N, C-alpha and C. Protein backbone atom coordinates (compact mmCIF):
# COMPACT_ATOMS: atom_id res chain seq x y z
N UNK A 1 88.47 148.06 184.63
CA UNK A 1 87.84 148.15 183.31
C UNK A 1 87.02 146.88 183.06
N UNK A 2 85.81 147.10 182.54
CA UNK A 2 84.94 146.00 182.14
C UNK A 2 84.70 146.07 180.63
N UNK A 3 84.80 144.91 179.98
CA UNK A 3 84.54 144.87 178.52
C UNK A 3 84.03 143.48 178.19
N UNK A 4 83.28 143.42 177.13
CA UNK A 4 82.76 142.12 176.63
C UNK A 4 83.14 141.96 175.17
N UNK A 5 83.75 140.83 174.79
CA UNK A 5 84.26 140.57 173.46
C UNK A 5 83.58 139.34 172.89
N UNK A 6 82.99 139.47 171.73
CA UNK A 6 82.45 138.29 171.06
C UNK A 6 83.58 137.62 170.31
N UNK A 7 83.79 136.34 170.56
CA UNK A 7 84.91 135.60 169.96
C UNK A 7 84.43 134.34 169.30
N UNK A 8 85.25 133.83 168.35
CA UNK A 8 84.99 132.48 167.76
C UNK A 8 86.14 131.53 168.09
N UNK A 9 87.29 132.06 168.54
CA UNK A 9 88.39 131.23 168.93
C UNK A 9 89.33 132.02 169.86
N UNK A 10 90.01 131.30 170.74
CA UNK A 10 90.98 131.89 171.61
C UNK A 10 92.35 131.23 171.39
N UNK A 11 93.37 132.05 171.27
CA UNK A 11 94.73 131.62 171.07
C UNK A 11 95.57 132.05 172.24
N UNK A 12 96.24 131.11 172.87
CA UNK A 12 96.90 131.36 174.15
C UNK A 12 98.42 131.16 174.08
N UNK A 13 99.14 132.17 174.42
CA UNK A 13 100.58 131.96 174.66
C UNK A 13 100.72 131.13 175.92
N UNK A 14 101.91 130.57 176.15
CA UNK A 14 102.14 129.76 177.32
C UNK A 14 102.94 130.51 178.39
N UNK A 15 104.21 130.75 178.19
CA UNK A 15 105.03 131.35 179.21
C UNK A 15 104.58 132.77 179.55
N UNK A 16 104.29 133.00 180.81
CA UNK A 16 103.86 134.33 181.26
C UNK A 16 102.39 134.54 181.05
N UNK A 17 101.72 133.64 180.35
CA UNK A 17 100.26 133.81 180.10
C UNK A 17 99.50 132.70 180.76
N UNK A 18 99.87 131.44 180.56
CA UNK A 18 99.26 130.30 181.24
C UNK A 18 100.13 129.82 182.37
N UNK A 19 101.45 129.88 182.22
CA UNK A 19 102.34 129.42 183.30
C UNK A 19 103.33 130.49 183.62
N UNK A 20 103.66 130.57 184.90
CA UNK A 20 104.70 131.50 185.33
C UNK A 20 106.03 130.75 185.37
N UNK A 21 106.85 130.97 184.38
CA UNK A 21 108.15 130.35 184.28
C UNK A 21 109.27 131.35 184.30
N UNK A 22 108.97 132.55 184.77
CA UNK A 22 109.92 133.67 184.66
C UNK A 22 111.25 133.34 185.34
N UNK A 23 111.17 132.74 186.55
CA UNK A 23 112.41 132.54 187.27
C UNK A 23 113.39 131.62 186.53
N UNK A 24 112.88 130.52 185.97
CA UNK A 24 113.76 129.56 185.28
C UNK A 24 114.24 130.16 183.93
N UNK A 25 113.37 130.85 183.24
CA UNK A 25 113.76 131.45 181.94
C UNK A 25 114.91 132.44 182.20
N UNK A 26 114.65 133.32 183.14
CA UNK A 26 115.70 134.38 183.36
C UNK A 26 116.98 133.81 183.92
N UNK A 27 116.91 132.78 184.80
CA UNK A 27 118.10 132.20 185.35
C UNK A 27 118.98 131.52 184.26
N UNK A 28 118.33 130.77 183.39
CA UNK A 28 119.10 130.04 182.34
C UNK A 28 119.62 130.98 181.28
N UNK A 29 118.85 132.01 180.94
CA UNK A 29 119.34 132.96 179.88
C UNK A 29 120.44 133.80 180.43
N UNK A 30 120.36 134.21 181.67
CA UNK A 30 121.47 135.03 182.22
C UNK A 30 122.77 134.17 182.34
N UNK A 31 122.61 132.87 182.68
CA UNK A 31 123.75 131.96 182.66
C UNK A 31 124.38 131.91 181.28
N UNK A 32 123.54 131.79 180.26
CA UNK A 32 124.02 131.75 178.87
C UNK A 32 124.71 133.05 178.45
N UNK A 33 124.13 134.17 178.94
CA UNK A 33 124.67 135.52 178.49
C UNK A 33 125.99 135.86 179.16
N UNK A 34 126.22 135.37 180.36
CA UNK A 34 127.37 135.88 181.15
C UNK A 34 128.73 135.73 180.41
N UNK A 35 129.02 134.58 179.83
CA UNK A 35 130.34 134.47 179.12
C UNK A 35 130.47 135.40 177.94
N UNK A 36 129.33 135.94 177.43
CA UNK A 36 129.39 136.83 176.26
C UNK A 36 129.50 138.26 176.70
N UNK A 37 129.46 138.52 178.02
CA UNK A 37 129.58 139.90 178.50
C UNK A 37 128.40 140.77 178.20
N UNK A 38 127.19 140.18 178.02
CA UNK A 38 126.07 140.93 177.63
C UNK A 38 125.39 141.60 178.86
N UNK A 39 124.80 142.72 178.60
CA UNK A 39 124.05 143.43 179.66
C UNK A 39 122.83 142.65 180.07
N UNK A 40 122.72 142.25 181.34
CA UNK A 40 121.60 141.41 181.78
C UNK A 40 120.24 142.01 181.50
N UNK A 41 120.09 143.32 181.70
CA UNK A 41 118.81 143.94 181.48
C UNK A 41 118.38 143.85 180.04
N UNK A 42 119.37 144.10 179.14
CA UNK A 42 119.04 143.96 177.71
C UNK A 42 118.66 142.56 177.36
N UNK A 43 119.35 141.57 177.91
CA UNK A 43 119.04 140.17 177.63
C UNK A 43 117.58 139.86 178.01
N UNK A 44 117.20 140.29 179.19
CA UNK A 44 115.84 140.03 179.66
C UNK A 44 114.81 140.76 178.84
N UNK A 45 115.17 141.89 178.28
CA UNK A 45 114.21 142.65 177.41
C UNK A 45 113.99 141.87 176.09
N UNK A 46 115.00 141.13 175.64
CA UNK A 46 114.93 140.45 174.33
C UNK A 46 114.31 139.07 174.38
N UNK A 47 114.64 138.30 175.41
CA UNK A 47 114.35 136.83 175.28
C UNK A 47 112.89 136.42 175.45
N UNK A 48 112.14 137.19 176.18
CA UNK A 48 110.72 136.76 176.47
C UNK A 48 109.89 136.79 175.20
N UNK A 49 109.25 135.66 174.93
CA UNK A 49 108.32 135.55 173.81
C UNK A 49 108.88 135.08 172.48
N UNK A 50 110.19 135.12 172.36
CA UNK A 50 110.82 134.73 171.11
C UNK A 50 111.38 133.30 171.19
N UNK A 51 111.54 132.70 170.05
CA UNK A 51 112.33 131.46 169.99
C UNK A 51 113.77 131.76 170.35
N UNK A 52 114.43 130.83 171.00
CA UNK A 52 115.77 131.10 171.52
C UNK A 52 116.80 131.48 170.44
N UNK A 53 116.73 130.83 169.29
CA UNK A 53 117.73 131.14 168.27
C UNK A 53 117.58 132.53 167.74
N UNK A 54 116.35 133.07 167.71
CA UNK A 54 116.15 134.45 167.30
C UNK A 54 116.66 135.44 168.32
N UNK A 55 116.44 135.10 169.62
CA UNK A 55 117.00 135.95 170.70
C UNK A 55 118.50 136.02 170.61
N UNK A 56 119.13 134.84 170.34
CA UNK A 56 120.58 134.82 170.22
C UNK A 56 121.08 135.66 169.04
N UNK A 57 120.31 135.62 167.95
CA UNK A 57 120.71 136.41 166.76
C UNK A 57 120.62 137.89 167.04
N UNK A 58 119.63 138.29 167.87
CA UNK A 58 119.53 139.75 168.20
C UNK A 58 120.63 140.12 169.12
N UNK A 59 120.94 139.26 170.11
CA UNK A 59 121.95 139.56 171.11
C UNK A 59 123.38 139.49 170.61
N UNK A 60 123.60 138.58 169.66
CA UNK A 60 124.91 138.40 169.05
C UNK A 60 124.82 138.44 167.54
N UNK A 61 124.58 139.65 167.01
CA UNK A 61 124.25 139.78 165.56
C UNK A 61 125.37 139.38 164.65
N UNK A 62 126.63 139.35 165.09
CA UNK A 62 127.71 139.04 164.20
C UNK A 62 128.01 137.54 164.17
N UNK A 63 127.35 136.77 165.01
CA UNK A 63 127.70 135.32 165.17
C UNK A 63 126.98 134.53 164.10
N UNK A 64 127.66 133.45 163.65
CA UNK A 64 127.11 132.53 162.67
C UNK A 64 125.85 131.91 163.24
N UNK A 65 124.73 131.99 162.48
CA UNK A 65 123.43 131.57 163.02
C UNK A 65 123.41 130.06 163.24
N UNK A 66 124.30 129.34 162.55
CA UNK A 66 124.33 127.92 162.79
C UNK A 66 124.68 127.57 164.24
N UNK A 67 125.53 128.43 164.85
CA UNK A 67 125.85 128.24 166.23
C UNK A 67 124.62 128.50 167.12
N UNK A 68 123.83 129.50 166.75
CA UNK A 68 122.59 129.80 167.50
C UNK A 68 121.63 128.63 167.49
N UNK A 69 121.52 127.99 166.32
CA UNK A 69 120.58 126.85 166.22
C UNK A 69 121.02 125.71 167.12
N UNK A 70 122.31 125.47 167.17
CA UNK A 70 122.83 124.38 168.01
C UNK A 70 122.57 124.74 169.47
N UNK A 71 122.95 125.96 169.89
CA UNK A 71 122.86 126.35 171.26
C UNK A 71 121.39 126.49 171.70
N UNK A 72 120.52 126.80 170.75
CA UNK A 72 119.09 126.87 171.07
C UNK A 72 118.56 125.49 171.47
N UNK A 73 119.00 124.45 170.76
CA UNK A 73 118.57 123.08 171.10
C UNK A 73 119.09 122.70 172.50
N UNK A 74 120.30 123.11 172.80
CA UNK A 74 120.87 122.84 174.12
C UNK A 74 120.02 123.58 175.21
N UNK A 75 119.69 124.84 174.91
CA UNK A 75 118.90 125.64 175.87
C UNK A 75 117.55 125.04 176.09
N UNK A 76 116.89 124.60 175.01
CA UNK A 76 115.55 123.96 175.13
C UNK A 76 115.66 122.72 176.02
N UNK A 77 116.68 121.95 175.84
CA UNK A 77 116.85 120.74 176.64
C UNK A 77 117.04 121.09 178.12
N UNK A 78 117.82 122.14 178.44
CA UNK A 78 117.99 122.58 179.80
C UNK A 78 116.70 123.04 180.40
N UNK A 79 115.97 123.85 179.60
CA UNK A 79 114.70 124.40 180.07
C UNK A 79 113.66 123.28 180.38
N UNK A 80 113.63 122.28 179.49
CA UNK A 80 112.66 121.20 179.66
C UNK A 80 112.97 120.39 180.93
N UNK A 81 114.23 120.34 181.31
CA UNK A 81 114.61 119.56 182.50
C UNK A 81 114.59 120.40 183.77
N UNK A 82 114.29 121.66 183.69
CA UNK A 82 114.28 122.52 184.88
C UNK A 82 112.92 123.22 184.98
N UNK A 83 112.03 122.63 185.77
CA UNK A 83 110.71 123.20 185.97
C UNK A 83 110.49 123.59 187.39
N UNK A 84 111.57 123.78 188.13
CA UNK A 84 111.50 124.18 189.52
C UNK A 84 110.88 125.59 189.60
N UNK A 85 109.78 125.66 190.31
CA UNK A 85 109.11 126.97 190.49
C UNK A 85 108.09 127.29 189.38
N UNK A 86 107.93 126.43 188.43
CA UNK A 86 106.92 126.70 187.36
C UNK A 86 105.53 126.40 187.89
N UNK A 87 104.66 127.42 187.87
CA UNK A 87 103.30 127.30 188.39
C UNK A 87 102.32 127.93 187.40
N UNK A 88 101.05 127.60 187.59
CA UNK A 88 100.02 128.16 186.73
C UNK A 88 99.80 129.62 187.08
N UNK A 89 99.49 130.41 186.06
CA UNK A 89 99.05 131.78 186.25
C UNK A 89 97.65 131.77 186.86
N UNK A 90 97.34 132.69 187.74
CA UNK A 90 96.01 132.69 188.35
C UNK A 90 94.90 132.69 187.32
N UNK A 91 93.96 131.75 187.46
CA UNK A 91 92.83 131.67 186.59
C UNK A 91 93.04 130.84 185.35
N UNK A 92 94.26 130.30 185.13
CA UNK A 92 94.57 129.57 183.90
C UNK A 92 93.76 128.27 183.80
N UNK A 93 93.72 127.50 184.91
CA UNK A 93 93.02 126.23 184.84
C UNK A 93 91.53 126.45 184.58
N UNK A 94 90.93 127.42 185.24
CA UNK A 94 89.50 127.68 185.03
C UNK A 94 89.23 128.15 183.60
N UNK A 95 90.10 129.01 183.05
CA UNK A 95 89.90 129.47 181.67
C UNK A 95 89.98 128.32 180.69
N UNK A 96 91.01 127.49 180.86
CA UNK A 96 91.16 126.34 179.92
C UNK A 96 89.95 125.42 179.98
N UNK A 97 89.42 125.20 181.20
CA UNK A 97 88.21 124.35 181.35
C UNK A 97 87.01 124.97 180.67
N UNK A 98 86.89 126.27 180.78
CA UNK A 98 85.75 126.90 180.20
C UNK A 98 85.79 127.02 178.64
N UNK A 99 87.04 126.84 178.14
CA UNK A 99 87.23 126.84 176.66
C UNK A 99 87.14 125.46 176.04
N UNK A 100 86.96 124.43 176.83
CA UNK A 100 87.05 123.05 176.39
C UNK A 100 86.11 122.77 175.20
N UNK A 101 84.93 123.40 175.18
CA UNK A 101 83.94 123.14 174.13
C UNK A 101 84.08 124.13 172.97
N UNK A 102 85.02 125.05 173.06
CA UNK A 102 85.18 126.10 172.05
C UNK A 102 86.51 125.97 171.34
N UNK A 103 86.63 126.53 170.10
CA UNK A 103 87.88 126.49 169.44
C UNK A 103 88.96 127.27 170.18
N UNK A 104 90.08 126.63 170.46
CA UNK A 104 91.17 127.31 171.16
C UNK A 104 92.45 126.56 170.88
N UNK A 105 93.58 127.25 171.10
CA UNK A 105 94.91 126.62 170.85
C UNK A 105 95.95 127.30 171.64
N UNK A 106 97.05 126.60 171.89
CA UNK A 106 98.24 127.23 172.39
C UNK A 106 99.10 127.66 171.19
N UNK A 107 99.67 128.86 171.32
CA UNK A 107 100.64 129.30 170.30
C UNK A 107 101.85 129.76 171.06
N UNK A 108 102.89 128.93 171.08
CA UNK A 108 104.05 129.17 171.92
C UNK A 108 105.37 129.13 171.15
N UNK A 109 106.37 129.81 171.63
CA UNK A 109 107.67 129.77 171.05
C UNK A 109 108.51 128.57 171.54
N UNK A 110 107.98 127.88 172.54
CA UNK A 110 108.58 126.68 173.07
C UNK A 110 108.44 125.52 172.06
N UNK A 111 109.29 124.50 172.17
CA UNK A 111 109.05 123.31 171.38
C UNK A 111 108.11 122.39 172.17
N UNK A 112 107.76 121.26 171.54
CA UNK A 112 106.76 120.37 172.17
C UNK A 112 107.23 119.87 173.55
N UNK A 113 108.51 119.49 173.62
CA UNK A 113 109.01 118.95 174.87
C UNK A 113 108.95 119.96 176.02
N UNK A 114 109.32 121.20 175.72
CA UNK A 114 109.32 122.25 176.72
C UNK A 114 107.89 122.61 177.08
N UNK A 115 107.01 122.75 176.09
CA UNK A 115 105.61 123.01 176.38
C UNK A 115 105.00 121.95 177.28
N UNK A 116 105.25 120.68 176.93
CA UNK A 116 104.73 119.60 177.76
C UNK A 116 105.24 119.65 179.17
N UNK A 117 106.52 119.88 179.33
CA UNK A 117 107.14 119.86 180.63
C UNK A 117 106.55 120.98 181.51
N UNK A 118 106.41 122.16 180.95
CA UNK A 118 105.92 123.29 181.78
C UNK A 118 104.43 123.20 182.05
N UNK A 119 103.63 122.78 181.04
CA UNK A 119 102.20 122.62 181.29
C UNK A 119 101.96 121.55 182.32
N UNK A 120 102.68 120.46 182.25
CA UNK A 120 102.54 119.40 183.23
C UNK A 120 102.96 119.87 184.62
N UNK A 121 104.07 120.59 184.72
CA UNK A 121 104.52 121.10 185.99
C UNK A 121 103.49 122.03 186.63
N UNK A 122 102.79 122.81 185.81
CA UNK A 122 101.78 123.73 186.26
C UNK A 122 100.44 123.08 186.52
N UNK A 123 100.32 121.78 186.18
CA UNK A 123 99.06 121.07 186.36
C UNK A 123 97.94 121.45 185.38
N UNK A 124 98.38 121.86 184.17
CA UNK A 124 97.40 122.34 183.17
C UNK A 124 97.36 121.31 182.03
N UNK A 125 96.13 121.11 181.51
CA UNK A 125 95.96 120.26 180.33
C UNK A 125 96.33 121.02 179.09
N UNK A 126 96.85 120.30 178.11
CA UNK A 126 97.25 120.93 176.82
C UNK A 126 96.09 120.83 175.83
N UNK A 127 95.70 121.95 175.24
CA UNK A 127 94.65 121.90 174.21
C UNK A 127 94.98 120.97 173.08
N UNK A 128 93.95 120.54 172.37
CA UNK A 128 94.16 119.61 171.24
C UNK A 128 95.04 120.20 170.18
N UNK A 129 95.02 121.49 169.95
CA UNK A 129 95.85 122.16 168.97
C UNK A 129 96.90 122.97 169.64
N UNK A 130 98.14 122.71 169.31
CA UNK A 130 99.27 123.47 169.87
C UNK A 130 100.21 123.82 168.74
N UNK A 131 100.44 125.10 168.56
CA UNK A 131 101.38 125.59 167.55
C UNK A 131 102.67 125.88 168.31
N UNK A 132 103.71 125.12 168.06
CA UNK A 132 104.96 125.23 168.77
C UNK A 132 106.10 125.64 167.85
N UNK A 133 107.29 125.68 168.36
CA UNK A 133 108.44 126.10 167.56
C UNK A 133 108.62 125.25 166.32
N UNK A 134 108.25 123.96 166.43
CA UNK A 134 108.35 123.04 165.27
C UNK A 134 107.36 123.39 164.17
N UNK A 135 106.31 124.11 164.52
CA UNK A 135 105.17 124.33 163.61
C UNK A 135 105.36 125.48 162.63
N UNK A 136 106.33 126.37 162.93
CA UNK A 136 106.40 127.66 162.21
C UNK A 136 107.85 127.86 161.63
N UNK A 137 107.94 128.70 160.68
CA UNK A 137 109.25 129.07 160.15
C UNK A 137 109.73 130.43 160.70
N UNK A 138 108.84 131.17 161.33
CA UNK A 138 109.20 132.51 161.82
C UNK A 138 108.68 132.63 163.27
N UNK A 139 109.55 133.19 164.12
CA UNK A 139 109.23 133.39 165.52
C UNK A 139 108.41 134.65 165.71
N UNK A 140 107.66 134.71 166.78
CA UNK A 140 107.09 135.97 167.25
C UNK A 140 108.24 137.00 167.34
N UNK A 141 108.02 138.27 166.93
CA UNK A 141 106.75 138.98 166.67
C UNK A 141 106.12 138.75 165.31
N UNK A 142 106.66 137.82 164.48
CA UNK A 142 105.99 137.51 163.23
C UNK A 142 104.65 136.85 163.57
N UNK A 143 103.57 137.16 162.87
CA UNK A 143 102.25 136.63 163.15
C UNK A 143 102.00 135.20 162.69
N UNK A 144 102.98 134.52 162.08
CA UNK A 144 102.73 133.23 161.47
C UNK A 144 102.05 132.24 162.39
N UNK A 145 102.54 132.14 163.61
CA UNK A 145 101.92 131.17 164.53
C UNK A 145 100.47 131.38 164.81
N UNK A 146 100.09 132.62 165.02
CA UNK A 146 98.67 132.91 165.29
C UNK A 146 97.83 132.71 164.08
N UNK A 147 98.33 133.11 162.89
CA UNK A 147 97.59 132.89 161.69
C UNK A 147 97.41 131.43 161.33
N UNK A 148 98.44 130.64 161.63
CA UNK A 148 98.37 129.19 161.35
C UNK A 148 97.34 128.56 162.29
N UNK A 149 97.31 128.93 163.55
CA UNK A 149 96.32 128.43 164.50
C UNK A 149 94.90 128.74 164.05
N UNK A 150 94.71 130.00 163.63
CA UNK A 150 93.38 130.41 163.17
C UNK A 150 92.93 129.60 161.98
N UNK A 151 93.85 129.40 161.02
CA UNK A 151 93.52 128.63 159.85
C UNK A 151 93.17 127.21 160.15
N UNK A 152 93.93 126.58 161.02
CA UNK A 152 93.64 125.17 161.42
C UNK A 152 92.33 125.05 162.21
N UNK A 153 91.96 126.10 162.92
CA UNK A 153 90.68 126.10 163.66
C UNK A 153 89.52 126.47 162.73
N UNK A 154 89.82 126.97 161.57
CA UNK A 154 88.76 127.39 160.62
C UNK A 154 88.08 128.68 161.01
N UNK A 155 88.86 129.58 161.62
CA UNK A 155 88.30 130.85 162.11
C UNK A 155 89.09 132.03 161.48
N UNK A 156 88.39 133.04 161.02
CA UNK A 156 89.06 134.25 160.46
C UNK A 156 89.82 134.93 161.59
N UNK A 157 90.96 135.52 161.24
CA UNK A 157 91.75 136.23 162.26
C UNK A 157 90.88 137.21 163.09
N UNK A 158 89.98 137.91 162.46
CA UNK A 158 89.22 138.94 163.18
C UNK A 158 88.31 138.30 164.25
N UNK A 159 88.07 137.03 164.16
CA UNK A 159 87.23 136.35 165.18
C UNK A 159 88.04 135.75 166.27
N UNK A 160 89.39 135.93 166.28
CA UNK A 160 90.25 135.34 167.28
C UNK A 160 90.63 136.33 168.35
N UNK A 161 90.71 135.87 169.57
CA UNK A 161 91.22 136.64 170.69
C UNK A 161 92.52 135.98 171.16
N UNK A 162 93.57 136.77 171.28
CA UNK A 162 94.89 136.30 171.70
C UNK A 162 95.14 136.70 173.12
N UNK A 163 95.70 135.80 173.90
CA UNK A 163 96.17 136.12 175.24
C UNK A 163 97.71 136.06 175.21
N UNK A 164 98.34 137.13 175.57
CA UNK A 164 99.79 137.25 175.48
C UNK A 164 100.37 138.14 176.58
N UNK A 165 101.65 137.96 176.93
CA UNK A 165 102.25 138.79 177.94
C UNK A 165 103.43 139.57 177.45
N UNK A 166 104.17 139.03 176.43
CA UNK A 166 105.47 139.63 176.08
C UNK A 166 105.27 140.69 174.95
N UNK A 167 106.20 141.62 174.82
CA UNK A 167 106.13 142.56 173.72
C UNK A 167 106.05 141.89 172.36
N UNK A 168 106.94 140.87 172.16
CA UNK A 168 106.96 140.15 170.88
C UNK A 168 105.61 139.47 170.59
N UNK A 169 105.07 138.83 171.62
CA UNK A 169 103.78 138.15 171.44
C UNK A 169 102.62 139.10 171.14
N UNK A 170 102.60 140.18 171.87
CA UNK A 170 101.55 141.17 171.65
C UNK A 170 101.63 141.74 170.25
N UNK A 171 102.85 142.05 169.81
CA UNK A 171 103.06 142.56 168.45
C UNK A 171 102.56 141.53 167.41
N UNK A 172 102.86 140.26 167.66
CA UNK A 172 102.50 139.20 166.71
C UNK A 172 100.93 139.06 166.63
N UNK A 173 100.26 139.14 167.75
CA UNK A 173 98.78 139.04 167.75
C UNK A 173 98.17 140.22 167.01
N UNK A 174 98.65 141.41 167.29
CA UNK A 174 98.13 142.60 166.62
C UNK A 174 98.39 142.55 165.10
N UNK A 175 99.61 142.09 164.77
CA UNK A 175 99.98 142.00 163.32
C UNK A 175 99.12 140.95 162.62
N UNK A 176 98.61 139.98 163.32
CA UNK A 176 97.72 139.01 162.73
C UNK A 176 96.30 139.50 162.55
N UNK A 177 96.03 140.70 163.05
CA UNK A 177 94.71 141.30 162.94
C UNK A 177 93.72 140.83 163.96
N UNK A 178 94.23 140.42 165.13
CA UNK A 178 93.42 139.82 166.15
C UNK A 178 93.31 140.78 167.36
N UNK A 179 92.24 140.59 168.18
CA UNK A 179 92.17 141.29 169.44
C UNK A 179 93.17 140.65 170.37
N UNK A 180 93.92 141.47 171.08
CA UNK A 180 94.96 140.94 172.01
C UNK A 180 94.69 141.39 173.42
N UNK A 181 94.62 140.43 174.34
CA UNK A 181 94.49 140.72 175.76
C UNK A 181 95.84 140.52 176.40
N UNK A 182 96.46 141.55 176.86
CA UNK A 182 97.73 141.48 177.54
C UNK A 182 97.54 140.94 178.94
N UNK A 183 98.41 140.01 179.34
CA UNK A 183 98.28 139.37 180.65
C UNK A 183 99.49 139.72 181.51
N UNK A 184 99.24 140.20 182.73
CA UNK A 184 100.33 140.51 183.63
C UNK A 184 100.44 142.02 183.87
N UNK A 185 101.11 142.41 184.95
CA UNK A 185 101.18 143.83 185.29
C UNK A 185 101.97 144.67 184.37
N UNK A 186 102.86 144.08 183.51
CA UNK A 186 103.66 144.88 182.61
C UNK A 186 103.11 144.86 181.21
N UNK A 187 102.05 144.10 180.93
CA UNK A 187 101.63 143.93 179.54
C UNK A 187 101.01 145.20 178.94
N UNK A 188 100.37 146.03 179.77
CA UNK A 188 99.69 147.19 179.27
C UNK A 188 100.63 148.18 178.54
N UNK A 189 101.92 148.20 178.92
CA UNK A 189 102.85 149.16 178.31
C UNK A 189 103.14 148.82 176.84
N UNK A 190 102.77 147.61 176.42
CA UNK A 190 102.98 147.20 175.05
C UNK A 190 101.76 147.30 174.16
N UNK A 191 100.75 148.05 174.65
CA UNK A 191 99.61 148.48 173.86
C UNK A 191 98.73 147.32 173.33
N UNK A 192 98.40 146.33 174.14
CA UNK A 192 97.44 145.32 173.69
C UNK A 192 96.07 146.02 173.62
N UNK A 193 95.10 145.31 173.03
CA UNK A 193 93.74 145.84 172.90
C UNK A 193 93.14 146.03 174.26
N UNK A 194 93.34 145.08 175.16
CA UNK A 194 92.93 145.14 176.57
C UNK A 194 94.06 144.57 177.39
N UNK A 195 93.98 144.80 178.72
CA UNK A 195 94.99 144.26 179.58
C UNK A 195 94.37 143.79 180.91
N UNK A 196 94.87 142.73 181.46
CA UNK A 196 94.44 142.18 182.73
C UNK A 196 95.64 141.78 183.57
N UNK A 197 95.51 141.77 184.89
CA UNK A 197 96.61 141.40 185.76
C UNK A 197 96.85 139.89 185.68
N UNK A 198 95.74 139.10 185.63
CA UNK A 198 95.85 137.64 185.45
C UNK A 198 94.57 137.13 184.85
N UNK A 199 94.44 135.82 184.70
CA UNK A 199 93.31 135.27 184.04
C UNK A 199 92.07 135.11 184.91
N UNK A 200 92.16 135.43 186.15
CA UNK A 200 90.98 135.40 187.03
C UNK A 200 89.98 136.47 186.60
N UNK A 201 90.41 137.46 185.82
CA UNK A 201 89.56 138.55 185.37
C UNK A 201 88.76 138.22 184.15
N UNK A 202 88.92 136.95 183.64
CA UNK A 202 88.24 136.56 182.41
C UNK A 202 87.14 135.55 182.67
N UNK A 203 85.97 135.81 182.10
CA UNK A 203 84.85 134.89 182.21
C UNK A 203 84.34 134.56 180.80
N UNK A 204 84.05 133.26 180.58
CA UNK A 204 83.51 132.83 179.25
C UNK A 204 82.00 132.65 179.38
N UNK A 205 81.25 133.28 178.43
CA UNK A 205 79.82 133.12 178.40
C UNK A 205 79.43 132.58 177.02
N UNK A 206 78.71 131.51 176.98
CA UNK A 206 78.36 130.84 175.74
C UNK A 206 77.23 131.60 175.04
N UNK A 207 77.33 131.66 173.68
CA UNK A 207 76.34 132.21 172.79
C UNK A 207 76.14 131.28 171.62
N UNK A 208 75.02 131.43 170.93
CA UNK A 208 74.75 130.55 169.80
C UNK A 208 75.71 130.85 168.63
N UNK A 209 76.16 132.08 168.53
CA UNK A 209 77.03 132.43 167.40
C UNK A 209 78.50 132.50 167.80
N UNK A 210 78.86 131.85 168.90
CA UNK A 210 80.22 131.88 169.40
C UNK A 210 80.21 131.88 170.88
N UNK A 211 81.07 132.73 171.47
CA UNK A 211 81.09 132.89 172.92
C UNK A 211 81.65 134.29 173.21
N UNK A 212 81.34 134.75 174.40
CA UNK A 212 81.79 136.03 174.83
C UNK A 212 82.84 135.87 175.91
N UNK A 213 83.86 136.75 175.87
CA UNK A 213 84.81 136.89 176.95
C UNK A 213 84.55 138.22 177.67
N UNK A 214 84.31 138.10 178.94
CA UNK A 214 84.03 139.27 179.75
C UNK A 214 85.32 139.53 180.56
N UNK A 215 85.75 140.78 180.51
CA UNK A 215 86.90 141.21 181.25
C UNK A 215 86.42 142.04 182.42
N UNK A 216 86.91 141.68 183.64
CA UNK A 216 86.52 142.50 184.79
C UNK A 216 85.90 141.65 185.87
C-alpha cells in the first residue's frame, strides 16, 4: 500500500515503535505474574502500551492500588537496568533524523529513566519533547498523552500523525482525533488508519505548509 499524508507534527510511541524491547518486557512481566497464577497469554495481551500500575490493576482487579503503585516503581527500576537485547526498530534512526527540523515528540508509558535507558541502548536520540509516565495522569488508551504533546507543540490534533504498535496506544491515538500509523506485523488487527511492518516504509518530504509522510 502506498499513501501520502500531510502532517504538521509526528508523535511517536517508544516500545515496539522505535525500539524493540519485547523480550525484556515479556520476560519481566511473566516473572511478576507467575506468583499470582495468572495466565501468561492474558498478561501479554494486557501489558503492552500501558503504564505498569494500570496493567496490574487490570490483571489483579481486587488488589489495593497502592500496592500496584509500589510494585510499578520496582518494575520500572528492573526494566531500566535490563536492556539486554533492546535494539532499534528498522528505520527508526532515519525517521528521527528526518524529523529533526519538524515538530515531533515521544509519547510513552515509560518513565524518563526507562525511556532514556532504552533509547540509549538502541542508539537513538531522544526528541526535545518527551511525554512520559510522569507527564500524565491517565495511561493509554486514554488520549491525554497525545493531546498534551500536540498542545505543547502548538499543533491541532487533526494535524498530528501518531506512530504506535500496541492496541492501547492505537486506541489512544484514534481517541485523540489523530491519524495513526500502526507499526509491526500485528498492528493492523487493531485498526490503525494505516499500517507498516517497520519504519523503513516511511519517507518524509518537506513542504512549505508542513511535511508529507509517504508510506510504501
